[in-house]
PDB file of N, CA and C in Angstrom:
ATOM      1  N   MET A   1       0.909  -1.368  -0.122  1.00  0.00           N
ATOM      2  CA  MET A   1      -0.112  -0.411   0.048  1.00  0.00           C
ATOM      3  C   MET A   1       0.676   1.172  -0.166  1.00  0.00           C
ATOM      4  N   LYS A   2       0.162   2.415  -0.872  1.00  0.00           N
ATOM      5  CA  LYS A   2       1.365   3.241  -0.835  1.00  0.00           C
ATOM      6  C   LYS A   2       1.368   3.877   0.209  1.00  0.00           C
ATOM      7  N   ARG A   3       1.976   4.918   0.821  1.00  0.00           N
ATOM      8  CA  ARG A   3       2.402   5.619   2.268  1.00  0.00           C
ATOM      9  C   ARG A   3       1.992   7.067   2.131  1.00  0.00           C
ATOM     10  N   VAL A   4       1.821   7.706   1.060  1.00  0.00           N
ATOM     11  CA  VAL A   4       1.028   8.962   1.033  1.00  0.00           C
ATOM     12  C   VAL A   4       0.344   9.512   0.252  1.00  0.00           C
ATOM     13  N   TRP A   5      -1.091   9.669   1.000  1.00  0.00           N
ATOM     14  CA  TRP A   5      -1.740   9.871   0.380  1.00  0.00           C
ATOM     15  C   TRP A   5      -3.003  11.143   0.127  1.00  0.00           C
ATOM     16  N   GLY A   6      -2.230  11.900  -0.580  1.00  0.00           N
ATOM     17  CA  GLY A   6      -3.613  13.197  -0.826  1.00  0.00           C
ATOM     18  C   GLY A   6      -4.936  12.915  -0.235  1.00  0.00           C
ATOM     19  N   ALA A   7      -4.793  14.318   0.085  1.00  0.00           N
ATOM     20  CA  ALA A   7      -6.347  14.668   0.982  1.00  0.00           C
ATOM     21  C   ALA A   7      -7.554  13.474   0.715  1.00  0.00           C
ATOM     22  N   ALA A   8      -7.878  14.542  -0.659  1.00  0.00           N
ATOM     23  CA  ALA A   8      -9.076  13.800  -0.887  1.00  0.00           C
ATOM     24  C   ALA A   8      -8.909  12.039  -1.140  1.00  0.00           C
ATOM     25  N   LYS A   9      -8.200  11.991  -1.629  1.00  0.00           N
ATOM     26  CA  LYS A   9      -8.261  10.452  -1.832  1.00  0.00           C
ATOM     27  C   LYS A   9      -8.222   9.358  -1.306  1.00  0.00           C
ATOM     28  N   LEU A  10      -7.497   9.727   0.138  1.00  0.00           N
ATOM     29  CA  LEU A  10      -7.284   9.463   1.990  1.00  0.00           C
ATOM     30  C   LEU A  10      -8.768   9.239   1.719  1.00  0.00           C
ATOM     31  N   PHE A  11      -9.311  10.575   2.033  1.00  0.00           N
ATOM     32  CA  PHE A  11     -11.230  10.834   2.892  1.00  0.00           C
ATOM     33  C   PHE A  11     -11.265   9.698   1.426  1.00  0.00           C
ATOM     34  N   GLU A  12     -11.609   9.519   0.734  1.00  0.00           N
ATOM     35  CA  GLU A  12     -12.373   8.315  -0.471  1.00  0.00           C
ATOM     36  C   GLU A  12     -12.796   7.202  -0.319  1.00  0.00           C
ATOM     37  N   VAL A  13     -11.156   6.930  -0.039  1.00  0.00           N
ATOM     38  CA  VAL A  13     -11.051   5.451   0.364  1.00  0.00           C
ATOM     39  C   VAL A  13     -11.024   4.923   1.820  1.00  0.00           C
ATOM     40  N   PHE A  14     -10.350   5.499   2.716  1.00  0.00           N
ATOM     41  CA  PHE A  14     -10.845   5.200   4.187  1.00  0.00           C
ATOM     42  C   PHE A  14     -11.563   5.785   5.299  1.00  0.00           C
ATOM     43  N   THR A  15     -13.018   6.239   4.382  1.00  0.00           N
ATOM     44  CA  THR A  15     -14.039   7.057   5.242  1.00  0.00           C
ATOM     45  C   THR A  15     -14.582   5.500   5.416  1.00  0.00           C
ATOM     46  N   LEU A  16     -15.033   5.651   6.824  1.00  0.00           N
ATOM     47  CA  LEU A  16     -15.900   4.933   6.665  1.00  0.00           C
ATOM     48  C   LEU A  16     -17.748   5.012   7.009  1.00  0.00           C
ATOM     49  N   LYS A  17     -18.141   4.533   6.064  1.00  0.00           N
ATOM     50  CA  LYS A  17     -19.639   4.358   6.293  1.00  0.00           C
ATOM     51  C   LYS A  17     -20.588   4.210   7.682  1.00  0.00           C
ATOM     52  N   HIS A  18     -21.569   4.674   7.303  1.00  0.00           N
ATOM     53  CA  HIS A  18     -22.152   4.587   8.572  1.00  0.00           C
ATOM     54  C   HIS A  18     -22.327   2.771   8.746  1.00  0.00           C
ATOM     55  N   GLU A  19     -22.843   2.120   8.122  1.00  0.00           N
ATOM     56  CA  GLU A  19     -23.051   0.515   8.085  1.00  0.00           C
ATOM     57  C   GLU A  19     -21.852   0.116   8.949  1.00  0.00           C
ATOM     58  N   GLU A  20     -20.802   0.445   8.509  1.00  0.00           N
ATOM     59  CA  GLU A  20     -19.279  -0.049   9.724  1.00  0.00           C
ATOM     60  C   GLU A  20     -18.844   0.634  10.537  1.00  0.00           C
ATOM     61  N   MET A  21     -20.089   2.166  10.893  1.00  0.00           N
ATOM     62  CA  MET A  21     -19.822   2.324  12.139  1.00  0.00           C
ATOM     63  C   MET A  21     -20.924   1.842  13.000  1.00  0.00           C
ATOM     64  N   GLY A  22     -21.674   1.198  12.364  1.00  0.00           N
ATOM     65  CA  GLY A  22     -22.725   0.894  13.404  1.00  0.00           C
ATOM     66  C   GLY A  22     -21.590  -0.347  13.854  1.00  0.00           C
ATOM     67  N   SER A  23     -21.382  -1.395  12.387  1.00  0.00           N
ATOM     68  CA  SER A  23     -20.882  -2.861  13.262  1.00  0.00           C
ATOM     69  C   SER A  23     -20.068  -2.584  14.139  1.00  0.00           C
ATOM     70  N   LEU A  24     -19.314  -1.537  14.603  1.00  0.00           N
ATOM     71  CA  LEU A  24     -18.445  -1.461  15.648  1.00  0.00           C
ATOM     72  C   LEU A  24     -18.301  -0.833  16.954  1.00  0.00           C
ATOM     73  N   ASP A  25     -20.031  -0.897  16.825  1.00  0.00           N
ATOM     74  CA  ASP A  25     -19.988  -0.073  18.161  1.00  0.00           C
ATOM     75  C   ASP A  25     -20.638  -1.351  19.453  1.00  0.00           C
ATOM     76  N   GLY A  26     -20.102  -0.838  20.215  1.00  0.00           N
ATOM     77  CA  GLY A  26     -20.039  -1.304  21.595  1.00  0.00           C
ATOM     78  C   GLY A  26     -19.187  -2.372  21.957  1.00  0.00           C
ATOM     79  N   LYS A  27     -18.077  -2.160  20.784  1.00  0.00           N
ATOM     80  CA  LYS A  27     -17.074  -2.795  20.987  1.00  0.00           C
ATOM     81  C   LYS A  27     -15.644  -2.094  21.474  1.00  0.00           C
ATOM     82  N   PRO A  28     -15.059  -2.742  22.296  1.00  0.00           N
ATOM     83  CA  PRO A  28     -13.935  -2.287  23.330  1.00  0.00           C
ATOM     84  C   PRO A  28     -13.384  -1.774  21.897  1.00  0.00           C
ATOM     85  N   ALA A  29     -12.419   0.124  22.115  1.00  0.00           N
ATOM     86  CA  ALA A  29     -12.093   0.623  21.199  1.00  0.00           C
ATOM     87  C   ALA A  29     -11.008   0.409  20.529  1.00  0.00           C
ATOM     88  N   SER A  30     -10.333  -0.772  20.977  1.00  0.00           N
ATOM     89  CA  SER A  30      -8.757  -1.550  20.562  1.00  0.00           C
ATOM     90  C   SER A  30      -9.318  -1.985  19.277  1.00  0.00           C
ATOM     91  N   THR A  31     -10.736  -2.982  19.952  1.00  0.00           N
ATOM     92  CA  THR A  31     -11.001  -3.696  18.739  1.00  0.00           C
ATOM     93  C   THR A  31     -11.860  -2.957  17.552  1.00  0.00           C
ATOM     94  N   GLN A  32     -12.151  -1.817  17.726  1.00  0.00           N
ATOM     95  CA  GLN A  32     -12.728  -0.897  16.766  1.00  0.00           C
ATOM     96  C   GLN A  32     -11.963  -0.333  15.762  1.00  0.00           C
ATOM     97  N   ILE A  33     -10.928  -0.002  16.444  1.00  0.00           N
ATOM     98  CA  ILE A  33      -9.652  -0.030  15.626  1.00  0.00           C
ATOM     99  C   ILE A  33      -9.178  -0.867  14.283  1.00  0.00           C
ATOM    100  N   GLU A  34      -8.783  -1.536  15.007  1.00  0.00           N
ATOM    101  CA  GLU A  34      -8.461  -3.190  14.367  1.00  0.00           C
ATOM    102  C   GLU A  34      -8.758  -2.919  13.215  1.00  0.00           C
ATOM    103  N   LEU A  35     -10.236  -3.748  13.573  1.00  0.00           N
ATOM    104  CA  LEU A  35     -11.383  -4.081  12.605  1.00  0.00           C
ATOM    105  C   LEU A  35     -11.742  -3.033  12.015  1.00  0.00           C
ATOM    106  N   ALA A  36     -11.651  -1.849  11.694  1.00  0.00           N
ATOM    107  CA  ALA A  36     -12.010  -0.713  11.034  1.00  0.00           C
ATOM    108  C   ALA A  36     -10.507  -0.219  10.269  1.00  0.00           C
ATOM    109  N   VAL A  37      -9.694  -0.709  10.737  1.00  0.00           N
ATOM    110  CA  VAL A  37      -8.235  -0.423   9.444  1.00  0.00           C
ATOM    111  C   VAL A  37      -7.808  -1.672   8.593  1.00  0.00           C
ATOM    112  N   LEU A  38      -8.341  -2.672   9.020  1.00  0.00           N
ATOM    113  CA  LEU A  38      -8.217  -4.502   8.760  1.00  0.00           C
ATOM    114  C   LEU A  38      -9.071  -4.000   7.100  1.00  0.00           C
ATOM    115  N   LEU A  39     -10.255  -3.444   7.497  1.00  0.00           N
ATOM    116  CA  LEU A  39     -11.194  -3.522   6.519  1.00  0.00           C
ATOM    117  C   LEU A  39     -11.193  -2.623   5.672  1.00  0.00           C
ATOM    118  N   LYS A  40     -10.652  -1.621   5.730  1.00  0.00           N
ATOM    119  CA  LYS A  40     -10.511  -0.871   4.664  1.00  0.00           C
ATOM    120  C   LYS A  40      -9.176  -0.699   4.387  1.00  0.00           C
ATOM    121  N   PHE A  41      -8.052  -1.871   4.968  1.00  0.00           N
ATOM    122  CA  PHE A  41      -6.965  -1.870   3.707  1.00  0.00           C
ATOM    123  C   PHE A  41      -7.135  -3.347   2.876  1.00  0.00           C
ATOM    124  N   TYR A  42      -8.353  -4.153   3.336  1.00  0.00           N
ATOM    125  CA  TYR A  42      -8.760  -5.314   2.758  1.00  0.00           C
ATOM    126  C   TYR A  42      -9.683  -5.131   1.238  1.00  0.00           C
ATOM    127  N   GLU A  43     -10.068  -3.982   1.947  1.00  0.00           N
ATOM    128  CA  GLU A  43     -11.188  -3.195   0.772  1.00  0.00           C
ATOM    129  C   GLU A  43     -10.559  -2.965  -0.152  1.00  0.00           C
ATOM    130  N   TYR A  44      -9.196  -2.010   0.081  1.00  0.00           N
ATOM    131  CA  TYR A  44      -8.580  -1.572  -0.730  1.00  0.00           C
ATOM    132  C   TYR A  44      -7.813  -2.375  -1.753  1.00  0.00           C
ATOM    133  N   GLU A  45      -6.660  -3.409  -1.057  1.00  0.00           N
ATOM    134  CA  GLU A  45      -5.530  -4.207  -1.358  1.00  0.00           C
ATOM    135  C   GLU A  45      -5.819  -5.432  -1.761  1.00  0.00           C
ATOM    136  N   GLY A  46      -7.064  -5.704  -0.930  1.00  0.00           N
ATOM    137  CA  GLY A  46      -7.837  -7.447  -1.465  1.00  0.00           C
ATOM    138  C   GLY A  46      -7.412  -8.083  -0.940  1.00  0.00           C
ATOM    139  N   ARG A  47      -6.204  -8.103   0.137  1.00  0.00           N
ATOM    140  CA  ARG A  47      -5.762  -8.589   0.782  1.00  0.00           C
ATOM    141  C   ARG A  47      -5.792  -8.097   2.718  1.00  0.00           C
ATOM    142  N   PHE A  48      -5.409  -9.045   3.664  1.00  0.00           N
ATOM    143  CA  PHE A  48      -5.152  -8.928   5.033  1.00  0.00           C
ATOM    144  C   PHE A  48      -3.609  -8.339   4.807  1.00  0.00           C
ATOM    145  N   PRO A  49      -3.040  -6.911   5.531  1.00  0.00           N
ATOM    146  CA  PRO A  49      -1.751  -6.861   5.810  1.00  0.00           C
ATOM    147  C   PRO A  49      -1.211  -7.700   6.903  1.00  0.00           C
ATOM    148  N   TYR A  50       0.293  -8.418   5.810  1.00  0.00           N
ATOM    149  CA  TYR A  50       1.019  -9.254   6.634  1.00  0.00           C
ATOM    150  C   TYR A  50       1.031  -8.862   7.974  1.00  0.00           C
ATOM    151  N   TYR A  51       2.280  -7.440   8.110  1.00  0.00           N
ATOM    152  CA  TYR A  51       2.357  -6.850   8.761  1.00  0.00           C
ATOM    153  C   TYR A  51       1.809  -5.349   9.187  1.00  0.00           C
ATOM    154  N   PRO A  52       2.318  -4.737  10.602  1.00  0.00           N
ATOM    155  CA  PRO A  52       1.536  -3.757  10.928  1.00  0.00           C
ATOM    156  C   PRO A  52       1.901  -2.600  10.647  1.00  0.00           C
ATOM    157  N   VAL A  53       3.449  -2.968   9.638  1.00  0.00           N
ATOM    158  CA  VAL A  53       4.377  -1.747   9.485  1.00  0.00           C
ATOM    159  C   VAL A  53       3.702  -1.070   7.445  1.00  0.00           C
ATOM    160  N   GLU A  54       2.563  -2.373   7.472  1.00  0.00           N
ATOM    161  CA  GLU A  54       2.456  -1.974   5.703  1.00  0.00           C
ATOM    162  C   GLU A  54       1.351  -1.331   6.254  1.00  0.00           C
ATOM    163  N   ILE A  55       0.860  -0.564   6.945  1.00  0.00           N
ATOM    164  CA  ILE A  55      -0.342   0.546   7.046  1.00  0.00           C
ATOM    165  C   ILE A  55       0.574   1.545   7.663  1.00  0.00           C
ATOM    166  N   PRO A  56      -0.284   2.690   6.413  1.00  0.00           N
ATOM    167  CA  PRO A  56       0.533   3.513   6.952  1.00  0.00           C
ATOM    168  C   PRO A  56      -0.327   4.873   8.315  1.00  0.00           C
ATOM    169  N   GLU A  57       0.729   5.164   8.458  1.00  0.00           N
ATOM    170  CA  GLU A  57       0.202   6.098   9.624  1.00  0.00           C
ATOM    171  C   GLU A  57      -1.341   6.773   9.723  1.00  0.00           C
ATOM    172  N   MET A  58      -1.255   7.379   8.585  1.00  0.00           N
ATOM    173  CA  MET A  58      -1.606   8.590   8.131  1.00  0.00           C
ATOM    174  C   MET A  58      -3.691   7.615   7.995  1.00  0.00           C
ATOM    175  N   VAL A  59      -3.364   6.792   7.423  1.00  0.00           N
ATOM    176  CA  VAL A  59      -4.335   5.952   7.128  1.00  0.00           C
ATOM    177  C   VAL A  59      -5.164   5.707   8.618  1.00  0.00           C
ATOM    178  N   VAL A  60      -4.398   5.185   9.520  1.00  0.00           N
ATOM    179  CA  VAL A  60      -4.945   4.769  10.909  1.00  0.00           C
ATOM    180  C   VAL A  60      -5.184   6.403  11.573  1.00  0.00           C
ATOM    181  N   GLN A  61      -4.025   6.929  11.755  1.00  0.00           N
ATOM    182  CA  GLN A  61      -4.572   8.550  12.388  1.00  0.00           C
ATOM    183  C   GLN A  61      -6.212   9.263  11.384  1.00  0.00           C
ATOM    184  N   LEU A  62      -6.790   8.916  10.173  1.00  0.00           N
ATOM    185  CA  LEU A  62      -7.838   9.180   9.634  1.00  0.00           C
ATOM    186  C   LEU A  62      -8.856   7.822  10.368  1.00  0.00           C
ATOM    187  N   ILE A  63      -8.818   6.971  10.312  1.00  0.00           N
ATOM    188  CA  ILE A  63      -9.349   6.051  10.834  1.00  0.00           C
ATOM    189  C   ILE A  63     -10.242   6.581  12.508  1.00  0.00           C
ATOM    190  N   ALA A  64      -8.882   6.351  12.589  1.00  0.00           N
ATOM    191  CA  ALA A  64      -9.246   6.716  14.515  1.00  0.00           C
ATOM    192  C   ALA A  64      -9.598   8.283  14.452  1.00  0.00           C
ATOM    193  N   ASP A  65      -9.337   9.315  13.633  1.00  0.00           N
ATOM    194  CA  ASP A  65     -10.276   9.915  13.869  1.00  0.00           C
ATOM    195  C   ASP A  65     -11.600   9.829  14.105  1.00  0.00           C
ATOM    196  N   GLN A  66     -11.877   9.667  12.953  1.00  0.00           N
ATOM    197  CA  GLN A  66     -13.538   9.656  12.761  1.00  0.00           C
ATOM    198  C   GLN A  66     -14.418   8.388  13.712  1.00  0.00           C
ATOM    199  N   LEU A  67     -13.305   7.416  14.209  1.00  0.00           N
ATOM    200  CA  LEU A  67     -14.238   6.520  15.432  1.00  0.00           C
ATOM    201  C   LEU A  67     -13.908   7.423  16.369  1.00  0.00           C
ATOM    202  N   GLY A  68     -12.891   8.974  16.719  1.00  0.00           N
ATOM    203  CA  GLY A  68     -12.471   9.179  18.136  1.00  0.00           C
ATOM    204  C   GLY A  68     -12.232   8.446  19.084  1.00  0.00           C
ATOM    205  N   ILE A  69     -10.960   8.038  18.693  1.00  0.00           N
ATOM    206  CA  ILE A  69     -10.110   7.350  19.202  1.00  0.00           C
ATOM    207  C   ILE A  69      -8.551   7.519  19.450  1.00  0.00           C
ATOM    208  N   ALA A  70      -7.914   7.382  19.889  1.00  0.00           N
ATOM    209  CA  ALA A  70      -6.660   7.515  20.178  1.00  0.00           C
ATOM    210  C   ALA A  70      -5.823   6.307  19.688  1.00  0.00           C
ATOM    211  N   THR A  71      -4.859   6.965  18.244  1.00  0.00           N
ATOM    212  CA  THR A  71      -4.140   6.233  17.710  1.00  0.00           C
ATOM    213  C   THR A  71      -3.041   4.840  18.341  1.00  0.00           C
ATOM    214  N   SER A  72      -2.954   4.810  19.424  1.00  0.00           N
ATOM    215  CA  SER A  72      -2.291   4.333  20.501  1.00  0.00           C
ATOM    216  C   SER A  72      -2.976   3.172  20.810  1.00  0.00           C
ATOM    217  N   GLN A  73      -4.743   3.170  20.576  1.00  0.00           N
ATOM    218  CA  GLN A  73      -4.823   2.115  20.789  1.00  0.00           C
ATOM    219  C   GLN A  73      -4.768   0.943  19.551  1.00  0.00           C
ATOM    220  N   PHE A  74      -4.748   1.134  18.458  1.00  0.00           N
ATOM    221  CA  PHE A  74      -4.717   0.718  17.819  1.00  0.00           C
ATOM    222  C   PHE A  74      -2.879  -0.558  17.958  1.00  0.00           C
ATOM    223  N   ALA A  75      -2.178   0.516  18.364  1.00  0.00           N
ATOM    224  CA  ALA A  75      -0.714   0.020  18.640  1.00  0.00           C
ATOM    225  C   ALA A  75      -0.489  -1.375  19.878  1.00  0.00           C
ATOM    226  N   GLU A  76      -1.623  -1.421  20.569  1.00  0.00           N
ATOM    227  CA  GLU A  76      -1.536  -2.234  21.721  1.00  0.00           C
ATOM    228  C   GLU A  76      -2.769  -3.285  21.545  1.00  0.00           C
TER     229      GLU A  76
END
């Protein structure tokens, strides 16, 4: 996955849909962000990441912002 994204494309690809947000309700923060990041990675790449470093920090940050969760929850 590319490391640097333009703002418009980043939002287009990694904005969570209403249904996706709803499926995360009630789960712990670390689970929410992990599931959301994996889902969006899979939608874009057609596979799950082999290593955490495959996921750009700006993607994690955007998803964390949408969920209202600190990015540190992803690392945990």
